[in-house]
Amino acid sequence: MNVRRLIPTTALAGATALGLVSLSACSGASSAGGAQAGGKLDVVASFYPMQYLAEEIGGDHVEVTTLTKPGVEPHDLELKPRQASELRRADYVLYLKGVQPAVDEAIAQSGVEHTVDAATLTGMEDHGTEVGHDHGDEGGGEEHGAGAGADPHVWLDPVKYAEVAEGVGDSLAKADPAHAADYRKNTETLVGKLRALDAKFTDGLRNSTTRTFITTHSAFGYLAERYGLDQHGIAGLGPESEPSPARIKELQSVAKQEKVSTVFFETLASDRTAKTLAKDTGLRTDVLDPLEGITDRSKGDDYLSVMESNLAALQKALGAK
C-alpha cells in the first residue's frame, strides 16, 4: 500500500513561489492534469476491495491511497480532516456506496471530477441474515446502484467483482487516456484471474454434505447465491449488530437440522457471539474473511489468496468432496 505524504503549509507556499503546480509529494500530478501532466494518477480508494482494484488495474501509472488503514473496521470509519483534504485533491476516487456513510458524504462534497461508485458497475441486491439458493430475489430483484437496504458486499462474488473491475478499467482509461491501453490490458489480466477463482469455487463446492453455513457478519449473500449455498448470519449486514435471543435459538435449530459443523467469525470484528453460539451447540469455529481489510492476521496477503483460504474453510465446514 502506498502512503502519500502531505506537504506542510510553509513548504507549499515556497513551492507556489517557485511556480510549481504539484500538490502531491508522491505523485507529482496536479488535480487537473493527473498522469497526463507527467506524474502518476493520484487515486484515493475508500477501503481494501477498491484499493486492490485500483492497484491491479492502475499498475505503474497510479499512486493509490486508501482511506481505511489496515485493521480498521470499514463500516465504522470516521474521516480525519487530513483524509478529507487528501480526498479533495485526488485525480480519481473509487468507492462503494453503502459501506461507509462518512466516506459517501465526504466524496459527495469533494468536487473531484473522476469519482466512481463501484455499486453502479454491477447489479445490487437486498440481503439480510438469511440468504441463499432457496431464497431467490427476496429483496425485489437485481438493480444497478446501492439502494436502501442493498447489500454492498459484491466483491465476495468473483463474477460480480470482475464486472466491477471492467467498469473501473473503463473509467481509468477515460480519466487518463494516455495510458488507456495499459489499463485495459491490466483489467483483462485481473478479470482472467477472477474467472479462474470463480471456477475454483464452482468446482470446490459442487459436492458437499451440507449447503448451509453460519457466520457472524451477513456479508456472504452474493457468494452464497453464486455457489448454491445458504448463509445464516448471526448479525445483519453490519458486523457489530447484536442478535436477539430468538435469533440465537433459531440458529441453534438450523445448525441441528442442516448438519452445520462450523460457526464462522472474521478478523476485524468481535468473535464473542460466534464462539458463544459454537460452545452452546457443540460446533467448531473458523474464519471466513469478508475481505474488508488485510492485516497480519489475514489468511493471505491479497484478495486472491484470502478468497482461496475462504474456499478451503468452506470446503472443510460443508464437507465438500
C-alpha atoms as a PDB file:
ATOM      1  CA  MET A   1       0.000   0.000   0.000  1.00  0.00           C
ATOM      2  CA  ASN A   2       1.340   3.421  -0.891  1.00  0.00           C
ATOM      3  CA  VAL A   3       1.155   6.180   1.711  1.00  0.00           C
ATOM      4  CA  ARG A   4       1.111   9.741   0.450  1.00  0.00           C
ATOM      5  CA  ARG A   5       2.966  12.422   2.381  1.00  0.00           C
ATOM      6  CA  LEU A   6       1.350  15.812   2.553  1.00  0.00           C
ATOM      7  CA  ILE A   7       3.480  18.937   2.053  1.00  0.00           C
ATOM      8  CA  PRO A   8       3.388  21.291   5.086  1.00  0.00           C
ATOM      9  CA  THR A   9       1.789  24.710   4.543  1.00  0.00           C
ATOM     10  CA  THR A  10       5.132  26.519   4.642  1.00  0.00           C
ATOM     11  CA  ALA A  11       6.664  24.212   2.063  1.00  0.00           C
ATOM     12  CA  LEU A  12       3.609  24.553  -0.142  1.00  0.00           C
ATOM     13  CA  ALA A  13       3.890  28.301  -0.029  1.00  0.00           C
ATOM     14  CA  GLY A  14       7.514  28.029  -1.093  1.00  0.00           C
ATOM     15  CA  ALA A  15       6.597  25.733  -3.924  1.00  0.00           C
ATOM     16  CA  THR A  16       3.976  28.197  -5.123  1.00  0.00           C
ATOM     17  CA  ALA A  17       6.563  30.944  -5.153  1.00  0.00           C
ATOM     18  CA  LEU A  18       8.744  28.800  -7.429  1.00  0.00           C
ATOM     19  CA  GLY A  19       5.838  28.310  -9.796  1.00  0.00           C
ATOM     20  CA  LEU A  20       5.391  24.605  -9.118  1.00  0.00           C
ATOM     21  CA  VAL A  21       1.969  23.135  -9.770  1.00  0.00           C
ATOM     22  CA  SER A  22       2.273  19.791  -7.967  1.00  0.00           C
ATOM     23  CA  LEU A  23       0.017  19.265  -4.964  1.00  0.00           C
ATOM     24  CA  SER A  24       1.139  15.717  -4.227  1.00  0.00           C
ATOM     25  CA  ALA A  25       4.568  14.898  -2.900  1.00  0.00           C
ATOM     26  CA  CYS A  26       4.413  11.352  -4.252  1.00  0.00           C
ATOM     27  CA  SER A  27       2.503  11.596  -7.493  1.00  0.00           C
ATOM     28  CA  GLY A  28       3.847  14.877  -8.847  1.00  0.00           C
ATOM     29  CA  ALA A  29       0.470  15.387 -10.520  1.00  0.00           C
ATOM     30  CA  SER A  30      -1.936  18.286 -10.342  1.00  0.00           C
ATOM     31  CA  SER A  31      -5.603  17.596  -9.696  1.00  0.00           C
ATOM     32  CA  ALA A  32      -6.361  18.902 -13.157  1.00  0.00           C
ATOM     33  CA  GLY A  33      -3.622  17.158 -15.110  1.00  0.00           C
ATOM     34  CA  GLY A  34      -3.143  13.834 -13.355  1.00  0.00           C
ATOM     35  CA  ALA A  35      -0.903  11.377 -15.169  1.00  0.00           C
ATOM     36  CA  GLN A  36      -1.202  13.445 -18.320  1.00  0.00           C
ATOM     37  CA  ALA A  37       0.877  16.130 -16.595  1.00  0.00           C
ATOM     38  CA  GLY A  38       3.826  13.772 -16.377  1.00  0.00           C
ATOM     39  CA  GLY A  39       3.241  12.140 -12.993  1.00  0.00           C
ATOM     40  CA  LYS A  40       1.129   9.317 -11.703  1.00  0.00           C
ATOM     41  CA  LEU A  41      -2.651   9.497 -11.409  1.00  0.00           C
ATOM     42  CA  ASP A  42      -3.485  10.332  -7.806  1.00  0.00           C
ATOM     43  CA  VAL A  43      -6.096   7.723  -6.784  1.00  0.00           C
ATOM     44  CA  VAL A  44      -7.965   7.552  -3.478  1.00  0.00           C
ATOM     45  CA  ALA A  45      -9.734   4.276  -2.646  1.00  0.00           C
ATOM     46  CA  SER A  46     -12.286   4.005   0.144  1.00  0.00           C
ATOM     47  CA  PHE A  47     -11.251   0.596   1.530  1.00  0.00           C
ATOM     48  CA  TYR A  48      -9.352  -2.551   0.618  1.00  0.00           C
ATOM     49  CA  PRO A  49     -11.535  -4.114  -2.145  1.00  0.00           C
ATOM     50  CA  MET A  50     -11.437  -0.797  -4.002  1.00  0.00           C
ATOM     51  CA  GLN A  51      -7.726  -0.330  -3.293  1.00  0.00           C
ATOM     52  CA  TYR A  52      -6.975  -3.761  -4.749  1.00  0.00           C
ATOM     53  CA  LEU A  53      -8.801  -2.954  -7.985  1.00  0.00           C
ATOM     54  CA  ALA A  54      -7.090   0.423  -8.318  1.00  0.00           C
ATOM     55  CA  GLU A  55      -3.631  -1.042  -7.779  1.00  0.00           C
ATOM     56  CA  GLU A  56      -4.103  -4.087 -10.011  1.00  0.00           C
ATOM     57  CA  ILE A  57      -5.659  -2.139 -12.882  1.00  0.00           C
ATOM     58  CA  GLY A  58      -3.734   1.105 -12.439  1.00  0.00           C
ATOM     59  CA  GLY A  59      -0.338  -0.589 -12.191  1.00  0.00           C
ATOM     60  CA  ASP A  60       2.635   1.734 -12.529  1.00  0.00           C
ATOM     61  CA  HIS A  61       0.503   4.657 -13.670  1.00  0.00           C
ATOM     62  CA  VAL A  62      -1.283   5.291 -10.360  1.00  0.00           C
ATOM     63  CA  GLU A  63      -0.409   6.276  -6.808  1.00  0.00           C
ATOM     64  CA  VAL A  64      -3.092   4.763  -4.561  1.00  0.00           C
ATOM     65  CA  THR A  65      -4.041   5.975  -1.094  1.00  0.00           C
ATOM     66  CA  THR A  66      -6.694   4.165   0.931  1.00  0.00           C
ATOM     67  CA  LEU A  67      -8.916   5.976   3.424  1.00  0.00           C
ATOM     68  CA  THR A  68      -9.272   2.834   5.589  1.00  0.00           C
ATOM     69  CA  LYS A  69      -5.997   1.754   7.153  1.00  0.00           C
ATOM     70  CA  PRO A  70      -5.229  -1.939   7.861  1.00  0.00           C
ATOM     71  CA  GLY A  71      -7.026  -3.208  10.955  1.00  0.00           C
ATOM     72  CA  VAL A  72      -9.750  -0.545  10.896  1.00  0.00           C
ATOM     73  CA  GLU A  73     -13.333  -1.815  10.589  1.00  0.00           C
ATOM     74  CA  PRO A  74     -14.514  -0.042   7.395  1.00  0.00           C
ATOM     75  CA  HIS A  75     -18.183   0.313   8.410  1.00  0.00           C
ATOM     76  CA  ASP A  76     -17.217   2.447  11.421  1.00  0.00           C
ATOM     77  CA  LEU A  77     -14.683   4.705   9.695  1.00  0.00           C
ATOM     78  CA  GLU A  78     -14.760   8.394  10.562  1.00  0.00           C
ATOM     79  CA  LEU A  79     -12.592  10.571   8.323  1.00  0.00           C
ATOM     80  CA  LYS A  80      -9.932  12.823   9.804  1.00  0.00           C
ATOM     81  CA  PRO A  81      -9.501  16.341   8.367  1.00  0.00           C
ATOM     82  CA  ARG A  82      -6.240  15.236   6.703  1.00  0.00           C
ATOM     83  CA  GLN A  83      -8.052  12.442   4.880  1.00  0.00           C
ATOM     84  CA  ALA A  84     -10.799  14.780   3.712  1.00  0.00           C
ATOM     85  CA  SER A  85      -8.092  17.070   2.371  1.00  0.00           C
ATOM     86  CA  GLU A  86      -6.430  14.161   0.530  1.00  0.00           C
ATOM     87  CA  LEU A  87      -9.779  13.263  -0.944  1.00  0.00           C
ATOM     88  CA  ARG A  88     -10.408  16.747  -2.346  1.00  0.00           C
ATOM     89  CA  ARG A  89      -7.024  16.785  -4.085  1.00  0.00           C
ATOM     90  CA  ALA A  90      -7.416  13.384  -5.755  1.00  0.00           C
ATOM     91  CA  ASP A  91      -7.494  12.917  -9.523  1.00  0.00           C
ATOM     92  CA  TYR A  92      -9.699   9.835  -9.233  1.00  0.00           C
ATOM     93  CA  VAL A  93     -11.782   8.402  -6.367  1.00  0.00           C
ATOM     94  CA  LEU A  94     -13.041   4.822  -6.191  1.00  0.00           C
ATOM     95  CA  TYR A  95     -15.551   3.822  -3.507  1.00  0.00           C
ATOM     96  CA  LEU A  96     -18.574   1.617  -2.926  1.00  0.00           C
ATOM     97  CA  LYS A  97     -21.633   3.487  -1.754  1.00  0.00           C
ATOM     98  CA  GLY A  98     -23.406   1.949   1.202  1.00  0.00           C
ATOM     99  CA  VAL A  99     -20.381   0.575   3.038  1.00  0.00           C
ATOM    100  CA  GLN A 100     -19.095   3.729   4.731  1.00  0.00           C
ATOM    101  CA  PRO A 101     -21.595   6.571   5.266  1.00  0.00           C
ATOM    102  CA  ALA A 102     -18.891   9.049   6.323  1.00  0.00           C
ATOM    103  CA  VAL A 103     -16.955   8.367   3.132  1.00  0.00           C
ATOM    104  CA  ASP A 104     -20.069   8.637   0.968  1.00  0.00           C
ATOM    105  CA  GLU A 105     -20.779  12.078   2.412  1.00  0.00           C
ATOM    106  CA  ALA A 106     -17.201  13.312   2.063  1.00  0.00           C
ATOM    107  CA  ILE A 107     -16.981  12.170  -1.555  1.00  0.00           C
ATOM    108  CA  ALA A 108     -20.262  13.897  -2.402  1.00  0.00           C
ATOM    109  CA  GLN A 109     -18.746  17.146  -1.104  1.00  0.00           C
ATOM    110  CA  SER A 110     -15.267  16.674  -2.577  1.00  0.00           C
ATOM    111  CA  GLY A 111     -15.838  18.093  -6.048  1.00  0.00           C
ATOM    112  CA  VAL A 112     -13.483  15.514  -7.617  1.00  0.00           C
ATOM    113  CA  GLU A 113     -14.205  15.148 -11.331  1.00  0.00           C
ATOM    114  CA  HIS A 114     -13.466  11.445 -11.718  1.00  0.00           C
ATOM    115  CA  THR A 115     -15.453   9.758  -8.940  1.00  0.00           C
ATOM    116  CA  VAL A 116     -16.595   6.165  -9.415  1.00  0.00           C
ATOM    117  CA  ASP A 117     -19.139   4.333  -7.267  1.00  0.00           C
ATOM    118  CA  ALA A 118     -18.496   0.617  -7.731  1.00  0.00           C
ATOM    119  CA  ALA A 119     -22.126  -0.081  -6.812  1.00  0.00           C
ATOM    120  CA  THR A 120     -23.152   1.350 -10.188  1.00  0.00           C
ATOM    121  CA  LEU A 121     -20.947  -1.111 -12.090  1.00  0.00           C
ATOM    122  CA  THR A 122     -22.805  -4.322 -11.238  1.00  0.00           C
ATOM    123  CA  GLY A 123     -26.243  -5.470 -10.117  1.00  0.00           C
ATOM    124  CA  MET A 124     -27.048  -4.957  -6.440  1.00  0.00           C
ATOM    125  CA  GLU A 125     -29.483  -6.992  -4.326  1.00  0.00           C
ATOM    126  CA  ASP A 126     -31.045  -6.844  -0.875  1.00  0.00           C
ATOM    127  CA  HIS A 127     -29.744  -9.461   1.539  1.00  0.00           C
ATOM    128  CA  GLY A 128     -30.236  -9.976   5.242  1.00  0.00           C
ATOM    129  CA  THR A 129     -29.252 -12.521   7.844  1.00  0.00           C
ATOM    130  CA  GLU A 130     -30.541 -15.416   5.744  1.00  0.00           C
ATOM    131  CA  VAL A 131     -29.892 -15.772   2.046  1.00  0.00           C
ATOM    132  CA  GLY A 132     -29.011 -18.472  -0.429  1.00  0.00           C
ATOM    133  CA  HIS A 133     -30.060 -20.592  -3.349  1.00  0.00           C
ATOM    134  CA  ASP A 134     -33.539 -21.323  -1.964  1.00  0.00           C
ATOM    135  CA  HIS A 135     -34.418 -17.693  -1.356  1.00  0.00           C
ATOM    136  CA  GLY A 136     -34.174 -16.186  -4.825  1.00  0.00           C
ATOM    137  CA  ASP A 137     -34.641 -12.436  -5.179  1.00  0.00           C
ATOM    138  CA  GLU A 138     -36.344 -11.789  -1.867  1.00  0.00           C
ATOM    139  CA  GLY A 139     -35.204  -8.207  -1.956  1.00  0.00           C
ATOM    140  CA  GLY A 140     -37.046  -7.419  -5.150  1.00  0.00           C
ATOM    141  CA  GLY A 141     -34.535  -8.443  -7.785  1.00  0.00           C
ATOM    142  CA  GLU A 142     -31.325  -7.023  -9.116  1.00  0.00           C
ATOM    143  CA  GLU A 143     -30.716  -3.401  -9.905  1.00  0.00           C
ATOM    144  CA  HIS A 144     -27.732  -1.154 -10.512  1.00  0.00           C
ATOM    145  CA  GLY A 145     -26.648   1.071  -7.658  1.00  0.00           C
ATOM    146  CA  ALA A 146     -26.979   0.587  -3.918  1.00  0.00           C
ATOM    147  CA  GLY A 147     -30.493   1.427  -2.846  1.00  0.00           C
ATOM    148  CA  ALA A 148     -31.790   1.491   0.703  1.00  0.00           C
ATOM    149  CA  GLY A 149     -31.014  -1.859   2.265  1.00  0.00           C
ATOM    150  CA  ALA A 150     -28.935  -3.094  -0.673  1.00  0.00           C
ATOM    151  CA  ASP A 151     -26.121  -5.460   0.258  1.00  0.00           C
ATOM    152  CA  PRO A 152     -22.826  -3.793  -0.761  1.00  0.00           C
ATOM    153  CA  HIS A 153     -20.570  -6.882  -0.421  1.00  0.00           C
ATOM    154  CA  VAL A 154     -20.334  -7.558  -4.171  1.00  0.00           C
ATOM    155  CA  TRP A 155     -16.566  -8.153  -4.064  1.00  0.00           C
ATOM    156  CA  LEU A 156     -17.132 -11.525  -2.349  1.00  0.00           C
ATOM    157  CA  ASP A 157     -18.658 -12.845  -5.578  1.00  0.00           C
ATOM    158  CA  PRO A 158     -15.765 -13.151  -8.075  1.00  0.00           C
ATOM    159  CA  VAL A 159     -18.158 -12.780 -11.014  1.00  0.00           C
ATOM    160  CA  LYS A 160     -19.607  -9.504  -9.752  1.00  0.00           C
ATOM    161  CA  TYR A 161     -16.167  -8.296  -8.722  1.00  0.00           C
ATOM    162  CA  ALA A 162     -14.977  -8.940 -12.284  1.00  0.00           C
ATOM    163  CA  GLU A 163     -17.868  -6.796 -13.567  1.00  0.00           C
ATOM    164  CA  VAL A 164     -16.768  -4.010 -11.246  1.00  0.00           C
ATOM    165  CA  ALA A 165     -13.159  -4.433 -12.423  1.00  0.00           C
ATOM    166  CA  GLU A 166     -14.221  -3.968 -16.036  1.00  0.00           C
ATOM    167  CA  GLY A 167     -16.039  -0.756 -15.139  1.00  0.00           C
ATOM    168  CA  VAL A 168     -13.046   0.534 -13.183  1.00  0.00           C
ATOM    169  CA  GLY A 169     -10.769  -0.191 -16.134  1.00  0.00           C
ATOM    170  CA  ASP A 170     -13.030   1.797 -18.468  1.00  0.00           C
ATOM    171  CA  SER A 171     -13.224   4.725 -16.046  1.00  0.00           C
ATOM    172  CA  LEU A 172      -9.452   4.851 -15.512  1.00  0.00           C
ATOM    173  CA  ALA A 173      -8.973   4.867 -19.278  1.00  0.00           C
ATOM    174  CA  LYS A 174     -11.277   7.891 -19.518  1.00  0.00           C
ATOM    175  CA  ALA A 175      -9.575   9.668 -16.620  1.00  0.00           C
ATOM    176  CA  ASP A 176      -6.102   9.060 -18.069  1.00  0.00           C
ATOM    177  CA  PRO A 177      -6.376   8.455 -21.844  1.00  0.00           C
ATOM    178  CA  ALA A 178      -2.597   8.464 -22.305  1.00  0.00           C
ATOM    179  CA  HIS A 179      -2.389   5.088 -20.565  1.00  0.00           C
ATOM    180  CA  ALA A 180      -5.749   3.653 -21.603  1.00  0.00           C
ATOM    181  CA  ALA A 181      -4.204   0.658 -23.378  1.00  0.00           C
ATOM    182  CA  ASP A 182      -2.330  -0.386 -20.238  1.00  0.00           C
ATOM    183  CA  TYR A 183      -5.435  -0.033 -18.067  1.00  0.00           C
ATOM    184  CA  ARG A 184      -7.405  -2.236 -20.437  1.00  0.00           C
ATOM    185  CA  LYS A 185      -4.638  -4.831 -20.553  1.00  0.00           C
ATOM    186  CA  ASN A 186      -4.383  -4.896 -16.747  1.00  0.00           C
ATOM    187  CA  THR A 187      -8.153  -5.190 -16.499  1.00  0.00           C
ATOM    188  CA  GLU A 188      -8.161  -8.165 -18.845  1.00  0.00           C
ATOM    189  CA  THR A 189      -5.468  -9.865 -16.742  1.00  0.00           C
ATOM    190  CA  LEU A 190      -7.344  -9.286 -13.481  1.00  0.00           C
ATOM    191  CA  VAL A 191     -10.681 -10.424 -14.912  1.00  0.00           C
ATOM    192  CA  GLY A 192      -8.974 -13.619 -16.066  1.00  0.00           C
ATOM    193  CA  LYS A 193      -7.760 -14.269 -12.515  1.00  0.00           C
ATOM    194  CA  LEU A 194     -11.235 -13.655 -11.113  1.00  0.00           C
ATOM    195  CA  ARG A 195     -12.814 -16.027 -13.610  1.00  0.00           C
ATOM    196  CA  ALA A 196     -10.292 -18.682 -12.600  1.00  0.00           C
ATOM    197  CA  LEU A 197     -11.197 -18.060  -8.953  1.00  0.00           C
ATOM    198  CA  ASP A 198     -14.875 -18.457  -9.805  1.00  0.00           C
ATOM    199  CA  ALA A 199     -14.109 -21.808 -11.425  1.00  0.00           C
ATOM    200  CA  LYS A 200     -12.275 -22.945  -8.282  1.00  0.00           C
ATOM    201  CA  PHE A 201     -15.283 -22.094  -6.109  1.00  0.00           C
ATOM    202  CA  THR A 202     -17.703 -23.756  -8.511  1.00  0.00           C
ATOM    203  CA  ASP A 203     -15.691 -26.969  -8.640  1.00  0.00           C
ATOM    204  CA  GLY A 204     -14.683 -26.940  -4.994  1.00  0.00           C
ATOM    205  CA  LEU A 205     -18.208 -26.536  -3.620  1.00  0.00           C
ATOM    206  CA  ARG A 206     -20.097 -28.697  -6.118  1.00  0.00           C
ATOM    207  CA  ASN A 207     -20.469 -31.736  -3.838  1.00  0.00           C
ATOM    208  CA  SER A 208     -20.851 -31.314  -0.071  1.00  0.00           C
ATOM    209  CA  THR A 209     -22.570 -32.809   2.955  1.00  0.00           C
ATOM    210  CA  THR A 210     -24.492 -29.594   3.662  1.00  0.00           C
ATOM    211  CA  ARG A 211     -25.079 -26.331   1.780  1.00  0.00           C
ATOM    212  CA  THR A 212     -25.656 -24.264   4.922  1.00  0.00           C
ATOM    213  CA  PHE A 213     -23.159 -22.137   6.813  1.00  0.00           C
ATOM    214  CA  ILE A 214     -23.441 -19.795   9.793  1.00  0.00           C
ATOM    215  CA  THR A 215     -21.376 -16.616  10.052  1.00  0.00           C
ATOM    216  CA  THR A 216     -21.309 -13.627  12.382  1.00  0.00           C
ATOM    217  CA  HIS A 217     -21.442 -10.978   9.648  1.00  0.00           C
ATOM    218  CA  SER A 218     -24.010 -11.424   6.871  1.00  0.00           C
ATOM    219  CA  ALA A 219     -21.509 -10.419   4.206  1.00  0.00           C
ATOM    220  CA  PHE A 220     -21.657 -13.539   2.061  1.00  0.00           C
ATOM    221  CA  GLY A 221     -25.070 -13.280   0.426  1.00  0.00           C
ATOM    222  CA  TYR A 222     -23.722 -12.822  -3.099  1.00  0.00           C
ATOM    223  CA  LEU A 223     -21.236 -15.661  -2.630  1.00  0.00           C
ATOM    224  CA  ALA A 224     -23.997 -17.909  -1.286  1.00  0.00           C
ATOM    225  CA  GLU A 225     -26.251 -17.231  -4.257  1.00  0.00           C
ATOM    226  CA  ARG A 226     -23.446 -17.707  -6.760  1.00  0.00           C
ATOM    227  CA  TYR A 227     -22.478 -21.159  -5.487  1.00  0.00           C
ATOM    228  CA  GLY A 228     -25.817 -22.527  -4.305  1.00  0.00           C
ATOM    229  CA  LEU A 229     -25.233 -22.128  -0.570  1.00  0.00           C
ATOM    230  CA  ASP A 230     -27.426 -20.927   2.312  1.00  0.00           C
ATOM    231  CA  GLN A 231     -25.943 -18.216   4.525  1.00  0.00           C
ATOM    232  CA  HIS A 232     -27.355 -17.766   8.028  1.00  0.00           C
ATOM    233  CA  GLY A 233     -25.919 -14.684   9.684  1.00  0.00           C
ATOM    234  CA  ILE A 234     -25.804 -14.138  13.417  1.00  0.00           C
ATOM    235  CA  ALA A 235     -25.790 -10.395  12.805  1.00  0.00           C
ATOM    236  CA  GLY A 236     -27.066  -8.379   9.881  1.00  0.00           C
ATOM    237  CA  LEU A 237     -25.083  -6.554   7.205  1.00  0.00           C
ATOM    238  CA  GLY A 238     -23.317  -4.533   9.912  1.00  0.00           C
ATOM    239  CA  PRO A 239     -20.701  -6.673  11.692  1.00  0.00           C
ATOM    240  CA  GLU A 240     -21.380  -5.224  15.133  1.00  0.00           C
ATOM    241  CA  SER A 241     -25.146  -5.852  15.140  1.00  0.00           C
ATOM    242  CA  GLU A 242     -26.299  -7.793  18.200  1.00  0.00           C
ATOM    243  CA  PRO A 243     -28.567 -10.803  17.617  1.00  0.00           C
ATOM    244  CA  SER A 244     -31.725 -11.314  19.679  1.00  0.00           C
ATOM    245  CA  PRO A 245     -32.171 -14.374  21.926  1.00  0.00           C
ATOM    246  CA  ALA A 246     -34.796 -15.582  19.458  1.00  0.00           C
ATOM    247  CA  ARG A 247     -32.258 -15.366  16.622  1.00  0.00           C
ATOM    248  CA  ILE A 248     -29.713 -17.391  18.612  1.00  0.00           C
ATOM    249  CA  LYS A 249     -32.351 -20.048  19.309  1.00  0.00           C
ATOM    250  CA  GLU A 250     -33.265 -20.132  15.622  1.00  0.00           C
ATOM    251  CA  LEU A 251     -29.619 -20.624  14.624  1.00  0.00           C
ATOM    252  CA  GLN A 252     -29.244 -23.467  17.093  1.00  0.00           C
ATOM    253  CA  SER A 253     -32.176 -25.174  15.377  1.00  0.00           C
ATOM    254  CA  VAL A 254     -30.706 -24.506  11.904  1.00  0.00           C
ATOM    255  CA  ALA A 255     -27.359 -25.949  12.955  1.00  0.00           C
ATOM    256  CA  LYS A 256     -29.001 -29.166  14.117  1.00  0.00           C
ATOM    257  CA  GLN A 257     -31.343 -29.595  11.156  1.00  0.00           C
ATOM    258  CA  GLU A 258     -28.822 -28.732   8.438  1.00  0.00           C
ATOM    259  CA  LYS A 259     -25.858 -30.619   9.925  1.00  0.00           C
ATOM    260  CA  VAL A 260     -23.823 -27.457  10.321  1.00  0.00           C
ATOM    261  CA  SER A 261     -20.364 -28.156  11.729  1.00  0.00           C
ATOM    262  CA  THR A 262     -18.832 -24.693  11.982  1.00  0.00           C
ATOM    263  CA  VAL A 263     -19.650 -21.151  13.072  1.00  0.00           C
ATOM    264  CA  PHE A 264     -17.573 -18.625  11.149  1.00  0.00           C
ATOM    265  CA  PHE A 265     -16.232 -15.349  12.509  1.00  0.00           C
ATOM    266  CA  GLU A 266     -13.972 -12.714  10.950  1.00  0.00           C
ATOM    267  CA  THR A 267     -10.723 -10.918  11.669  1.00  0.00           C
ATOM    268  CA  LEU A 268     -11.879  -7.287  12.031  1.00  0.00           C
ATOM    269  CA  ALA A 269     -14.901  -7.760  14.331  1.00  0.00           C
ATOM    270  CA  SER A 270     -15.548  -9.386  17.706  1.00  0.00           C
ATOM    271  CA  ASP A 271     -15.752 -13.186  17.734  1.00  0.00           C
ATOM    272  CA  ARG A 272     -17.533 -13.332  21.100  1.00  0.00           C
ATOM    273  CA  THR A 273     -21.036 -14.160  19.817  1.00  0.00           C
ATOM    274  CA  ALA A 274     -19.765 -16.757  17.321  1.00  0.00           C
ATOM    275  CA  LYS A 275     -17.767 -18.549  19.990  1.00  0.00           C
ATOM    276  CA  THR A 276     -20.687 -18.473  22.440  1.00  0.00           C
ATOM    277  CA  LEU A 277     -23.036 -19.962  19.838  1.00  0.00           C
ATOM    278  CA  ALA A 278     -20.478 -22.596  18.885  1.00  0.00           C
ATOM    279  CA  LYS A 279     -19.951 -23.579  22.508  1.00  0.00           C
ATOM    280  CA  ASP A 280     -23.684 -23.857  23.165  1.00  0.00           C
ATOM    281  CA  THR A 281     -24.235 -26.042  20.094  1.00  0.00           C
ATOM    282  CA  GLY A 282     -21.027 -28.087  20.194  1.00  0.00           C
ATOM    283  CA  LEU A 283     -19.732 -26.671  16.905  1.00  0.00           C
ATOM    284  CA  ARG A 284     -16.285 -25.661  15.726  1.00  0.00           C
ATOM    285  CA  THR A 285     -15.273 -22.103  14.870  1.00  0.00           C
ATOM    286  CA  ASP A 286     -13.227 -20.905  11.925  1.00  0.00           C
ATOM    287  CA  VAL A 287     -12.513 -17.712   9.995  1.00  0.00           C
ATOM    288  CA  LEU A 288     -14.485 -16.673   6.910  1.00  0.00           C
ATOM    289  CA  ASP A 289     -12.951 -13.375   5.893  1.00  0.00           C
ATOM    290  CA  PRO A 290     -15.214 -10.699   4.356  1.00  0.00           C
ATOM    291  CA  LEU A 291     -12.055  -9.093   2.963  1.00  0.00           C
ATOM    292  CA  GLU A 292     -12.815  -5.590   4.118  1.00  0.00           C
ATOM    293  CA  GLY A 293      -9.156  -5.176   5.058  1.00  0.00           C
ATOM    294  CA  ILE A 294      -5.859  -7.070   5.079  1.00  0.00           C
ATOM    295  CA  THR A 295      -3.984  -7.410   8.371  1.00  0.00           C
ATOM    296  CA  ASP A 296      -1.242  -9.589   9.835  1.00  0.00           C
ATOM    297  CA  ARG A 297      -3.988 -11.977  10.945  1.00  0.00           C
ATOM    298  CA  SER A 298      -5.429 -12.398   7.446  1.00  0.00           C
ATOM    299  CA  LYS A 299      -5.023 -15.840   5.883  1.00  0.00           C
ATOM    300  CA  GLY A 300      -3.330 -14.414   2.826  1.00  0.00           C
ATOM    301  CA  ASP A 301      -1.720 -11.184   1.718  1.00  0.00           C
ATOM    302  CA  ASP A 302      -4.122 -10.103  -1.029  1.00  0.00           C
ATOM    303  CA  TYR A 303      -7.654 -10.587  -2.321  1.00  0.00           C
ATOM    304  CA  LEU A 304      -6.994 -13.764  -4.305  1.00  0.00           C
ATOM    305  CA  SER A 305      -5.076 -15.595  -1.576  1.00  0.00           C
ATOM    306  CA  VAL A 306      -7.623 -14.735   1.130  1.00  0.00           C
ATOM    307  CA  MET A 307     -10.502 -15.836  -1.112  1.00  0.00           C
ATOM    308  CA  GLU A 308      -8.748 -19.155  -1.681  1.00  0.00           C
ATOM    309  CA  SER A 309      -8.425 -19.505   2.108  1.00  0.00           C
ATOM    310  CA  ASN A 310     -12.164 -18.792   2.368  1.00  0.00           C
ATOM    311  CA  LEU A 311     -12.829 -21.547  -0.154  1.00  0.00           C
ATOM    312  CA  ALA A 312     -10.738 -24.017   1.857  1.00  0.00           C
ATOM    313  CA  ALA A 313     -12.591 -23.069   5.044  1.00  0.00           C
ATOM    314  CA  LEU A 314     -15.983 -23.523   3.372  1.00  0.00           C
ATOM    315  CA  GLN A 315     -14.988 -26.872   1.891  1.00  0.00           C
ATOM    316  CA  LYS A 316     -13.967 -28.132   5.326  1.00  0.00           C
ATOM    317  CA  ALA A 317     -17.089 -26.797   7.046  1.00  0.00           C
ATOM    318  CA  LEU A 318     -19.511 -28.050   4.391  1.00  0.00           C
ATOM    319  CA  GLY A 319     -17.894 -31.460   3.971  1.00  0.00           C
ATOM    320  CA  ALA A 320     -17.068 -30.807   0.331  1.00  0.00           C
ATOM    321  CA  LYS A 321     -15.719 -33.782  -1.615  1.00  0.00           C
END
